[in-house]
Full PDB file with SEQRES, HELIX, SHEET, SSBOND, CRYST1, ORIGX, SCALE, CONECT and MASTER records, all heavy atoms in Angstrom:
SEQRES   1 A   38  TYR LEU ALA GLY THR ALA GLN PRO LEU GLU VAL VAL GLY          
SEQRES   2 A   38  THR ALA GLY GLU GLU MET ALA GLU LEU GLN VAL THR MET          
SEQRES   3 A   38  GLY GLU GLY PRO ALA SER GLU ALA LEU ARG GLN ASN              
HELIX    1 AA1 MET A   19  MET A   26  1                                   8    
HELIX    2 AA2 PRO A   30  GLN A   37  1                                   8    
SHEET    1 AA1 2 LEU A   2  ALA A   3  0                                        
SHEET    2 AA1 2 LEU A   9  GLU A  10 -1                                        
CRYST1    1.000    1.000    1.000  90.00  90.00  90.00 P 1           1          
ORIGX1      1.000000  0.000000  0.000000        0.00000                         
ORIGX2      0.000000  1.000000  0.000000        0.00000                         
ORIGX3      0.000000  0.000000  1.000000        0.00000                         
SCALE1      1.000000  0.000000  0.000000        0.00000                         
SCALE2      0.000000  1.000000  0.000000        0.00000                         
SCALE3      0.000000  0.000000  1.000000        0.00000                         
ATOM      1  N   TYR A   1       0.850  -1.214   0.010  1.00  0.00           N  
ATOM      2  CA  TYR A   1       0.013   0.011  -0.018  1.00  0.00           C  
ATOM      3  C   TYR A   1       0.869   1.294   0.012  1.00  0.00           C  
ATOM      4  O   TYR A   1       1.971   1.267   0.548  1.00  0.00           O  
ATOM      5  CB  TYR A   1      -0.844   0.050   1.287  1.00  0.00           C  
ATOM      6  CG  TYR A   1      -1.798  -1.118   1.499  1.00  0.00           C  
ATOM      7  CD1 TYR A   1      -1.359  -2.207   2.185  1.00  0.00           C  
ATOM      8  CD2 TYR A   1      -3.092  -1.098   1.100  1.00  0.00           C  
ATOM      9  CE1 TYR A   1      -2.184  -3.293   2.460  1.00  0.00           C  
ATOM     10  CE2 TYR A   1      -3.984  -2.153   1.301  1.00  0.00           C  
ATOM     11  CZ  TYR A   1      -3.469  -3.240   2.019  1.00  0.00           C  
ATOM     12  OH  TYR A   1      -4.306  -4.305   2.279  1.00  0.00           O  
ATOM     13  N   LEU A   2       0.353   2.332  -0.613  1.00  0.00           N  
ATOM     14  CA  LEU A   2       0.914   3.666  -0.386  1.00  0.00           C  
ATOM     15  C   LEU A   2      -0.083   4.422   0.454  1.00  0.00           C  
ATOM     16  O   LEU A   2      -1.284   4.247   0.390  1.00  0.00           O  
ATOM     17  CB  LEU A   2       1.081   4.365  -1.742  1.00  0.00           C  
ATOM     18  CG  LEU A   2       2.301   4.123  -2.525  1.00  0.00           C  
ATOM     19  CD1 LEU A   2       2.223   4.947  -3.886  1.00  0.00           C  
ATOM     20  CD2 LEU A   2       3.540   4.500  -1.773  1.00  0.00           C  
ATOM     21  N   ALA A   3       0.510   5.368   1.276  1.00  0.00           N  
ATOM     22  CA  ALA A   3      -0.349   6.283   2.013  1.00  0.00           C  
ATOM     23  C   ALA A   3      -0.906   7.292   1.005  1.00  0.00           C  
ATOM     24  O   ALA A   3      -0.124   7.974   0.325  1.00  0.00           O  
ATOM     25  CB  ALA A   3       0.450   6.975   3.109  1.00  0.00           C  
ATOM     26  N   GLY A   4      -2.199   7.333   0.832  1.00  0.00           N  
ATOM     27  CA  GLY A   4      -2.834   8.174  -0.143  1.00  0.00           C  
ATOM     28  C   GLY A   4      -3.308   9.460   0.351  1.00  0.00           C  
ATOM     29  O   GLY A   4      -3.165   9.784   1.534  1.00  0.00           O  
ATOM     30  N   THR A   5      -3.771  10.236  -0.573  1.00  0.00           N  
ATOM     31  CA  THR A   5      -4.398  11.575  -0.232  1.00  0.00           C  
ATOM     32  C   THR A   5      -5.891  11.473  -0.416  1.00  0.00           C  
ATOM     33  O   THR A   5      -6.621  11.550   0.546  1.00  0.00           O  
ATOM     34  CB  THR A   5      -3.801  12.682  -1.095  1.00  0.00           C  
ATOM     35  OG1 THR A   5      -3.867  12.276  -2.503  1.00  0.00           O  
ATOM     36  CG2 THR A   5      -2.357  12.905  -0.815  1.00  0.00           C  
ATOM     37  N   ALA A   6      -6.339  11.193  -1.654  1.00  0.00           N  
ATOM     38  CA  ALA A   6      -7.749  11.028  -1.863  1.00  0.00           C  
ATOM     39  C   ALA A   6      -8.237   9.755  -1.168  1.00  0.00           C  
ATOM     40  O   ALA A   6      -9.323   9.680  -0.596  1.00  0.00           O  
ATOM     41  CB  ALA A   6      -8.104  10.980  -3.359  1.00  0.00           C  
ATOM     42  N   GLN A   7      -7.412   8.723  -1.254  1.00  0.00           N  
ATOM     43  CA  GLN A   7      -7.732   7.410  -0.631  1.00  0.00           C  
ATOM     44  C   GLN A   7      -6.788   7.200   0.522  1.00  0.00           C  
ATOM     45  O   GLN A   7      -5.569   7.390   0.388  1.00  0.00           O  
ATOM     46  CB  GLN A   7      -7.619   6.285  -1.633  1.00  0.00           C  
ATOM     47  CG  GLN A   7      -8.487   6.447  -2.887  1.00  0.00           C  
ATOM     48  CD  GLN A   7      -8.169   5.396  -3.910  1.00  0.00           C  
ATOM     49  OE1 GLN A   7      -7.620   4.338  -3.588  1.00  0.00           O  
ATOM     50  NE2 GLN A   7      -8.500   5.673  -5.145  1.00  0.00           N  
ATOM     51  N   PRO A   8      -7.307   6.789   1.682  1.00  0.00           N  
ATOM     52  CA  PRO A   8      -6.409   6.534   2.830  1.00  0.00           C  
ATOM     53  C   PRO A   8      -5.334   5.489   2.566  1.00  0.00           C  
ATOM     54  O   PRO A   8      -4.173   5.577   2.959  1.00  0.00           O  
ATOM     55  CB  PRO A   8      -7.361   6.037   3.904  1.00  0.00           C  
ATOM     56  CG  PRO A   8      -8.724   6.500   3.542  1.00  0.00           C  
ATOM     57  CD  PRO A   8      -8.729   6.525   1.984  1.00  0.00           C  
ATOM     58  N   LEU A   9      -5.681   4.474   1.745  1.00  0.00           N  
ATOM     59  CA  LEU A   9      -4.715   3.471   1.293  1.00  0.00           C  
ATOM     60  C   LEU A   9      -4.869   3.301  -0.196  1.00  0.00           C  
ATOM     61  O   LEU A   9      -5.961   3.198  -0.716  1.00  0.00           O  
ATOM     62  CB  LEU A   9      -4.997   2.134   1.994  1.00  0.00           C  
ATOM     63  CG  LEU A   9      -4.859   1.987   3.476  1.00  0.00           C  
ATOM     64  CD1 LEU A   9      -5.309   0.634   3.895  1.00  0.00           C  
ATOM     65  CD2 LEU A   9      -3.393   2.142   3.852  1.00  0.00           C  
ATOM     66  N   GLU A  10      -3.739   3.276  -0.908  1.00  0.00           N  
ATOM     67  CA  GLU A  10      -3.704   2.994  -2.285  1.00  0.00           C  
ATOM     68  C   GLU A  10      -2.927   1.728  -2.551  1.00  0.00           C  
ATOM     69  O   GLU A  10      -1.736   1.601  -2.095  1.00  0.00           O  
ATOM     70  CB  GLU A  10      -3.112   4.165  -3.088  1.00  0.00           C  
ATOM     71  CG  GLU A  10      -3.902   5.490  -2.928  1.00  0.00           C  
ATOM     72  CD  GLU A  10      -3.369   6.597  -3.826  1.00  0.00           C  
ATOM     73  OE1 GLU A  10      -2.841   6.236  -4.883  1.00  0.00           O  
ATOM     74  OE2 GLU A  10      -3.550   7.778  -3.484  1.00  0.00           O  
ATOM     75  N   VAL A  11      -3.505   0.782  -3.213  1.00  0.00           N  
ATOM     76  CA  VAL A  11      -2.879  -0.523  -3.494  1.00  0.00           C  
ATOM     77  C   VAL A  11      -2.000  -0.392  -4.755  1.00  0.00           C  
ATOM     78  O   VAL A  11      -2.526   0.002  -5.760  1.00  0.00           O  
ATOM     79  CB  VAL A  11      -3.905  -1.615  -3.637  1.00  0.00           C  
ATOM     80  CG1 VAL A  11      -3.179  -2.959  -3.899  1.00  0.00           C  
ATOM     81  CG2 VAL A  11      -4.779  -1.684  -2.411  1.00  0.00           C  
ATOM     82  N   VAL A  12      -0.720  -0.677  -4.604  1.00  0.00           N  
ATOM     83  CA  VAL A  12       0.152  -0.592  -5.745  1.00  0.00           C  
ATOM     84  C   VAL A  12       0.817  -1.875  -6.163  1.00  0.00           C  
ATOM     85  O   VAL A  12       1.536  -1.995  -7.160  1.00  0.00           O  
ATOM     86  CB  VAL A  12       1.311   0.499  -5.473  1.00  0.00           C  
ATOM     87  CG1 VAL A  12       0.691   1.843  -5.435  1.00  0.00           C  
ATOM     88  CG2 VAL A  12       2.091   0.187  -4.251  1.00  0.00           C  
ATOM     89  N   GLY A  13       0.560  -2.917  -5.386  1.00  0.00           N  
ATOM     90  CA  GLY A  13       1.067  -4.280  -5.742  1.00  0.00           C  
ATOM     91  C   GLY A  13       0.445  -5.333  -4.939  1.00  0.00           C  
ATOM     92  O   GLY A  13       0.272  -5.149  -3.738  1.00  0.00           O  
ATOM     93  N   THR A  14       0.137  -6.501  -5.498  1.00  0.00           N  
ATOM     94  CA  THR A  14      -0.499  -7.581  -4.795  1.00  0.00           C  
ATOM     95  C   THR A  14      -0.047  -8.921  -5.365  1.00  0.00           C  
ATOM     96  O   THR A  14       0.445  -8.987  -6.490  1.00  0.00           O  
ATOM     97  CB  THR A  14      -2.051  -7.548  -4.870  1.00  0.00           C  
ATOM     98  OG1 THR A  14      -2.397  -7.729  -6.271  1.00  0.00           O  
ATOM     99  CG2 THR A  14      -2.624  -6.296  -4.298  1.00  0.00           C  
ATOM    100  N   ALA A  15      -0.115  -9.935  -4.578  1.00  0.00           N  
ATOM    101  CA  ALA A  15       0.097 -11.345  -4.996  1.00  0.00           C  
ATOM    102  C   ALA A  15      -0.853 -12.235  -4.207  1.00  0.00           C  
ATOM    103  O   ALA A  15      -0.628 -12.445  -3.018  1.00  0.00           O  
ATOM    104  CB  ALA A  15       1.569 -11.726  -4.762  1.00  0.00           C  
ATOM    105  N   GLY A  16      -1.944 -12.614  -4.859  1.00  0.00           N  
ATOM    106  CA  GLY A  16      -2.897 -13.428  -4.178  1.00  0.00           C  
ATOM    107  C   GLY A  16      -3.536 -12.793  -2.988  1.00  0.00           C  
ATOM    108  O   GLY A  16      -3.980 -13.394  -1.987  1.00  0.00           O  
ATOM    109  N   GLU A  17      -3.655 -11.447  -3.035  1.00  0.00           N  
ATOM    110  CA  GLU A  17      -4.096 -10.679  -1.875  1.00  0.00           C  
ATOM    111  C   GLU A  17      -5.429 -10.049  -2.101  1.00  0.00           C  
ATOM    112  O   GLU A  17      -5.616  -9.061  -2.820  1.00  0.00           O  
ATOM    113  CB  GLU A  17      -3.055  -9.585  -1.663  1.00  0.00           C  
ATOM    114  CG  GLU A  17      -3.464  -8.508  -0.626  1.00  0.00           C  
ATOM    115  CD  GLU A  17      -3.632  -8.950   0.790  1.00  0.00           C  
ATOM    116  OE1 GLU A  17      -4.449  -9.857   1.008  1.00  0.00           O  
ATOM    117  OE2 GLU A  17      -3.001  -8.336   1.660  1.00  0.00           O  
ATOM    118  N   GLU A  18      -6.481 -10.722  -1.491  1.00  0.00           N  
ATOM    119  CA  GLU A  18      -7.857 -10.161  -1.620  1.00  0.00           C  
ATOM    120  C   GLU A  18      -8.132  -9.225  -0.402  1.00  0.00           C  
ATOM    121  O   GLU A  18      -9.173  -8.502  -0.448  1.00  0.00           O  
ATOM    122  CB  GLU A  18      -8.885 -11.306  -1.675  1.00  0.00           C  
ATOM    123  CG  GLU A  18      -8.800 -12.138  -2.943  1.00  0.00           C  
ATOM    124  CD  GLU A  18      -8.923 -11.343  -4.205  1.00  0.00           C  
ATOM    125  OE1 GLU A  18      -9.720 -10.454  -4.268  1.00  0.00           O  
ATOM    126  OE2 GLU A  18      -8.070 -11.592  -5.119  1.00  0.00           O  
ATOM    127  N   MET A  19      -7.326  -9.286   0.623  1.00  0.00           N  
ATOM    128  CA  MET A  19      -7.588  -8.507   1.804  1.00  0.00           C  
ATOM    129  C   MET A  19      -7.408  -7.017   1.492  1.00  0.00           C  
ATOM    130  O   MET A  19      -7.936  -6.147   2.178  1.00  0.00           O  
ATOM    131  CB  MET A  19      -6.645  -8.910   2.927  1.00  0.00           C  
ATOM    132  CG  MET A  19      -6.953 -10.217   3.564  1.00  0.00           C  
ATOM    133  SD  MET A  19      -8.688 -10.284   4.243  1.00  0.00           S  
ATOM    134  CE  MET A  19      -9.507 -11.134   2.842  1.00  0.00           C  
ATOM    135  N   ALA A  20      -6.580  -6.715   0.481  1.00  0.00           N  
ATOM    136  CA  ALA A  20      -6.371  -5.300   0.147  1.00  0.00           C  
ATOM    137  C   ALA A  20      -7.626  -4.559  -0.141  1.00  0.00           C  
ATOM    138  O   ALA A  20      -7.931  -3.519   0.406  1.00  0.00           O  
ATOM    139  CB  ALA A  20      -5.395  -5.230  -1.053  1.00  0.00           C  
ATOM    140  N   GLU A  21      -8.469  -5.145  -1.017  1.00  0.00           N  
ATOM    141  CA  GLU A  21      -9.700  -4.464  -1.313  1.00  0.00           C  
ATOM    142  C   GLU A  21     -10.625  -4.428  -0.112  1.00  0.00           C  
ATOM    143  O   GLU A  21     -11.376  -3.439   0.080  1.00  0.00           O  
ATOM    144  CB  GLU A  21     -10.364  -5.178  -2.521  1.00  0.00           C  
ATOM    145  CG  GLU A  21     -11.564  -4.410  -3.087  1.00  0.00           C  
ATOM    146  CD  GLU A  21     -11.932  -4.751  -4.466  1.00  0.00           C  
ATOM    147  OE1 GLU A  21     -11.177  -5.584  -5.127  1.00  0.00           O  
ATOM    148  OE2 GLU A  21     -12.907  -4.228  -5.035  1.00  0.00           O  
ATOM    149  N   LEU A  22     -10.707  -5.522   0.601  1.00  0.00           N  
ATOM    150  CA  LEU A  22     -11.565  -5.534   1.821  1.00  0.00           C  
ATOM    151  C   LEU A  22     -11.141  -4.502   2.812  1.00  0.00           C  
ATOM    152  O   LEU A  22     -12.012  -3.808   3.361  1.00  0.00           O  
ATOM    153  CB  LEU A  22     -11.387  -6.961   2.465  1.00  0.00           C  
ATOM    154  CG  LEU A  22     -12.215  -7.214   3.721  1.00  0.00           C  
ATOM    155  CD1 LEU A  22     -13.701  -7.140   3.448  1.00  0.00           C  
ATOM    156  CD2 LEU A  22     -11.853  -8.553   4.324  1.00  0.00           C  
ATOM    157  N   GLN A  23      -9.852  -4.326   3.017  1.00  0.00           N  
ATOM    158  CA  GLN A  23      -9.382  -3.361   4.048  1.00  0.00           C  
ATOM    159  C   GLN A  23      -9.612  -1.875   3.548  1.00  0.00           C  
ATOM    160  O   GLN A  23     -10.000  -1.036   4.329  1.00  0.00           O  
ATOM    161  CB  GLN A  23      -7.862  -3.542   4.242  1.00  0.00           C  
ATOM    162  CG  GLN A  23      -7.368  -2.945   5.493  1.00  0.00           C  
ATOM    163  CD  GLN A  23      -6.072  -3.544   5.972  1.00  0.00           C  
ATOM    164  OE1 GLN A  23      -5.633  -3.289   7.101  1.00  0.00           O  
ATOM    165  NE2 GLN A  23      -5.412  -4.344   5.167  1.00  0.00           N  
ATOM    166  N   VAL A  24      -9.412  -1.629   2.235  1.00  0.00           N  
ATOM    167  CA  VAL A  24      -9.663  -0.332   1.724  1.00  0.00           C  
ATOM    168  C   VAL A  24     -11.157   0.033   1.852  1.00  0.00           C  
ATOM    169  O   VAL A  24     -11.538   1.174   2.223  1.00  0.00           O  
ATOM    170  CB  VAL A  24      -9.135  -0.148   0.315  1.00  0.00           C  
ATOM    171  CG1 VAL A  24      -9.546   1.159  -0.297  1.00  0.00           C  
ATOM    172  CG2 VAL A  24      -7.610  -0.267   0.246  1.00  0.00           C  
ATOM    173  N   THR A  25     -11.997  -0.873   1.498  1.00  0.00           N  
ATOM    174  CA  THR A  25     -13.416  -0.684   1.535  1.00  0.00           C  
ATOM    175  C   THR A  25     -13.932  -0.433   2.963  1.00  0.00           C  
ATOM    176  O   THR A  25     -14.702   0.509   3.121  1.00  0.00           O  
ATOM    177  CB  THR A  25     -14.137  -1.925   0.953  1.00  0.00           C  
ATOM    178  OG1 THR A  25     -13.749  -2.133  -0.397  1.00  0.00           O  
ATOM    179  CG2 THR A  25     -15.691  -1.646   0.940  1.00  0.00           C  
ATOM    180  N   MET A  26     -13.428  -1.143   3.922  1.00  0.00           N  
ATOM    181  CA  MET A  26     -13.927  -1.009   5.288  1.00  0.00           C  
ATOM    182  C   MET A  26     -13.277   0.089   6.060  1.00  0.00           C  
ATOM    183  O   MET A  26     -13.767   0.529   7.100  1.00  0.00           O  
ATOM    184  CB  MET A  26     -13.732  -2.318   6.037  1.00  0.00           C  
ATOM    185  CG  MET A  26     -14.634  -3.443   5.423  1.00  0.00           C  
ATOM    186  SD  MET A  26     -14.532  -4.979   6.344  1.00  0.00           S  
ATOM    187  CE  MET A  26     -15.907  -5.862   5.581  1.00  0.00           C  
ATOM    188  N   GLY A  27     -12.112   0.556   5.550  1.00  0.00           N  
ATOM    189  CA  GLY A  27     -11.517   1.745   6.219  1.00  0.00           C  
ATOM    190  C   GLY A  27     -10.792   1.428   7.541  1.00  0.00           C  
ATOM    191  O   GLY A  27     -10.600   2.372   8.314  1.00  0.00           O  
ATOM    192  N   GLU A  28     -10.570   0.153   7.879  1.00  0.00           N  
ATOM    193  CA  GLU A  28      -9.888  -0.175   9.092  1.00  0.00           C  
ATOM    194  C   GLU A  28      -9.108  -1.430   8.878  1.00  0.00           C  
ATOM    195  O   GLU A  28      -9.310  -2.174   7.900  1.00  0.00           O  
ATOM    196  CB  GLU A  28     -10.883  -0.356  10.241  1.00  0.00           C  
ATOM    197  CG  GLU A  28     -11.758  -1.564  10.132  1.00  0.00           C  
ATOM    198  CD  GLU A  28     -12.650  -1.861  11.410  1.00  0.00           C  
ATOM    199  OE1 GLU A  28     -12.953  -0.877  12.094  1.00  0.00           O  
ATOM    200  OE2 GLU A  28     -12.982  -2.988  11.649  1.00  0.00           O  
ATOM    201  N   GLY A  29      -8.203  -1.704   9.793  1.00  0.00           N  
ATOM    202  CA  GLY A  29      -7.415  -2.952   9.707  1.00  0.00           C  
ATOM    203  C   GLY A  29      -5.946  -2.684  10.002  1.00  0.00           C  
ATOM    204  O   GLY A  29      -5.518  -1.577  10.299  1.00  0.00           O  
ATOM    205  N   PRO A  30      -5.138  -3.739  10.017  1.00  0.00           N  
ATOM    206  CA  PRO A  30      -3.715  -3.579  10.407  1.00  0.00           C  
ATOM    207  C   PRO A  30      -2.895  -2.666   9.566  1.00  0.00           C  
ATOM    208  O   PRO A  30      -1.951  -2.061  10.029  1.00  0.00           O  
ATOM    209  CB  PRO A  30      -3.200  -5.033  10.419  1.00  0.00           C  
ATOM    210  CG  PRO A  30      -4.201  -5.839   9.553  1.00  0.00           C  
ATOM    211  CD  PRO A  30      -5.506  -5.146   9.734  1.00  0.00           C  
ATOM    212  N   ALA A  31      -3.187  -2.640   8.194  1.00  0.00           N  
ATOM    213  CA  ALA A  31      -2.358  -1.750   7.345  1.00  0.00           C  
ATOM    214  C   ALA A  31      -2.598  -0.311   7.675  1.00  0.00           C  
ATOM    215  O   ALA A  31      -1.639   0.450   7.817  1.00  0.00           O  
ATOM    216  CB  ALA A  31      -2.700  -2.027   5.886  1.00  0.00           C  
ATOM    217  N   SER A  32      -3.873   0.063   7.886  1.00  0.00           N  
ATOM    218  CA  SER A  32      -4.168   1.452   8.212  1.00  0.00           C  
ATOM    219  C   SER A  32      -3.507   1.797   9.608  1.00  0.00           C  
ATOM    220  O   SER A  32      -3.002   2.902   9.822  1.00  0.00           O  
ATOM    221  CB  SER A  32      -5.674   1.663   8.372  1.00  0.00           C  
ATOM    222  OG  SER A  32      -6.328   1.455   7.164  1.00  0.00           O  
ATOM    223  N   GLU A  33      -3.527   0.853  10.544  1.00  0.00           N  
ATOM    224  CA  GLU A  33      -2.989   1.105  11.868  1.00  0.00           C  
ATOM    225  C   GLU A  33      -1.391   1.182  11.764  1.00  0.00           C  
ATOM    226  O   GLU A  33      -0.800   2.088  12.419  1.00  0.00           O  
ATOM    227  CB  GLU A  33      -3.338  -0.040  12.812  1.00  0.00           C  
ATOM    228  CG  GLU A  33      -2.951   0.267  14.287  1.00  0.00           C  
ATOM    229  CD  GLU A  33      -3.563  -0.710  15.231  1.00  0.00           C  
ATOM    230  OE1 GLU A  33      -4.827  -0.986  15.075  1.00  0.00           O  
ATOM    231  OE2 GLU A  33      -2.939  -1.161  16.130  1.00  0.00           O  
ATOM    232  N   ALA A  34      -0.785   0.397  10.988  1.00  0.00           N  
ATOM    233  CA  ALA A  34       0.636   0.469  10.810  1.00  0.00           C  
ATOM    234  C   ALA A  34       1.072   1.766  10.188  1.00  0.00           C  
ATOM    235  O   ALA A  34       2.116   2.364  10.576  1.00  0.00           O  
ATOM    236  CB  ALA A  34       1.109  -0.734   9.916  1.00  0.00           C  
ATOM    237  N   LEU A  35       0.304   2.281   9.245  1.00  0.00           N  
ATOM    238  CA  LEU A  35       0.603   3.535   8.641  1.00  0.00           C  
ATOM    239  C   LEU A  35       0.415   4.694   9.649  1.00  0.00           C  
ATOM    240  O   LEU A  35       1.266   5.635   9.733  1.00  0.00           O  
ATOM    241  CB  LEU A  35      -0.287   3.822   7.435  1.00  0.00           C  
ATOM    242  CG  LEU A  35       0.213   3.136   6.112  1.00  0.00           C  
ATOM    243  CD1 LEU A  35      -0.916   3.286   5.051  1.00  0.00           C  
ATOM    244  CD2 LEU A  35       1.470   3.745   5.647  1.00  0.00           C  
ATOM    245  N   ARG A  36      -0.664   4.640  10.431  1.00  0.00           N  
ATOM    246  CA  ARG A  36      -0.953   5.699  11.379  1.00  0.00           C  
ATOM    247  C   ARG A  36       0.128   5.744  12.513  1.00  0.00           C  
ATOM    248  O   ARG A  36       0.489   6.825  12.910  1.00  0.00           O  
ATOM    249  CB  ARG A  36      -2.340   5.468  11.962  1.00  0.00           C  
ATOM    250  CG  ARG A  36      -2.803   6.573  12.877  1.00  0.00           C  
ATOM    251  CD  ARG A  36      -4.249   6.364  13.206  1.00  0.00           C  
ATOM    252  NE  ARG A  36      -4.513   5.109  13.957  1.00  0.00           N  
ATOM    253  CZ  ARG A  36      -5.168   4.097  13.440  1.00  0.00           C  
ATOM    254  NH1 ARG A  36      -5.610   4.136  12.179  1.00  0.00           N  
ATOM    255  NH2 ARG A  36      -5.363   2.982  14.105  1.00  0.00           N  
ATOM    256  N   GLN A  37       0.529   4.604  12.935  1.00  0.00           N  
ATOM    257  CA  GLN A  37       1.514   4.552  14.042  1.00  0.00           C  
ATOM    258  C   GLN A  37       2.927   4.469  13.615  1.00  0.00           C  
ATOM    259  O   GLN A  37       3.887   4.622  14.403  1.00  0.00           O  
ATOM    260  CB  GLN A  37       1.205   3.301  14.908  1.00  0.00           C  
ATOM    261  CG  GLN A  37      -0.173   3.291  15.622  1.00  0.00           C  
ATOM    262  CD  GLN A  37      -0.420   2.067  16.454  1.00  0.00           C  
ATOM    263  OE1 GLN A  37       0.397   1.173  16.509  1.00  0.00           O  
ATOM    264  NE2 GLN A  37      -1.543   2.127  17.141  1.00  0.00           N  
ATOM    265  N   ASN A  38       3.156   4.194  12.335  1.00  0.00           N  
ATOM    266  CA  ASN A  38       4.488   4.042  11.701  1.00  0.00           C  
ATOM    267  C   ASN A  38       5.364   3.030  12.458  1.00  0.00           C  
ATOM    268  O   ASN A  38       6.501   3.270  12.799  1.00  0.00           O  
ATOM    269  CB  ASN A  38       5.234   5.406  11.674  1.00  0.00           C  
ATOM    270  CG  ASN A  38       6.428   5.377  10.733  1.00  0.00           C  
ATOM    271  OD1 ASN A  38       6.578   4.459   9.973  1.00  0.00           O  
ATOM    272  ND2 ASN A  38       7.304   6.387  10.833  1.00  0.00           N  
TER     273      ASN A  38                                                      
MASTER        0    0    0    2    2    0    0    6  272    1    0    3          
END                                                                             
C-alpha cells in the first residue's frame, strides 16, 4: 500500500491478496494502523 491523499490506502502491488480491497473498503485494519503509528 501507499499512504494516499484522496484514498487513505492506495494498493500498488499484490500477490494473491484479496484483503487489500476488503481493508480499503472497510477503512480499518492492520495496514491502516501500521501507517498511522508508523
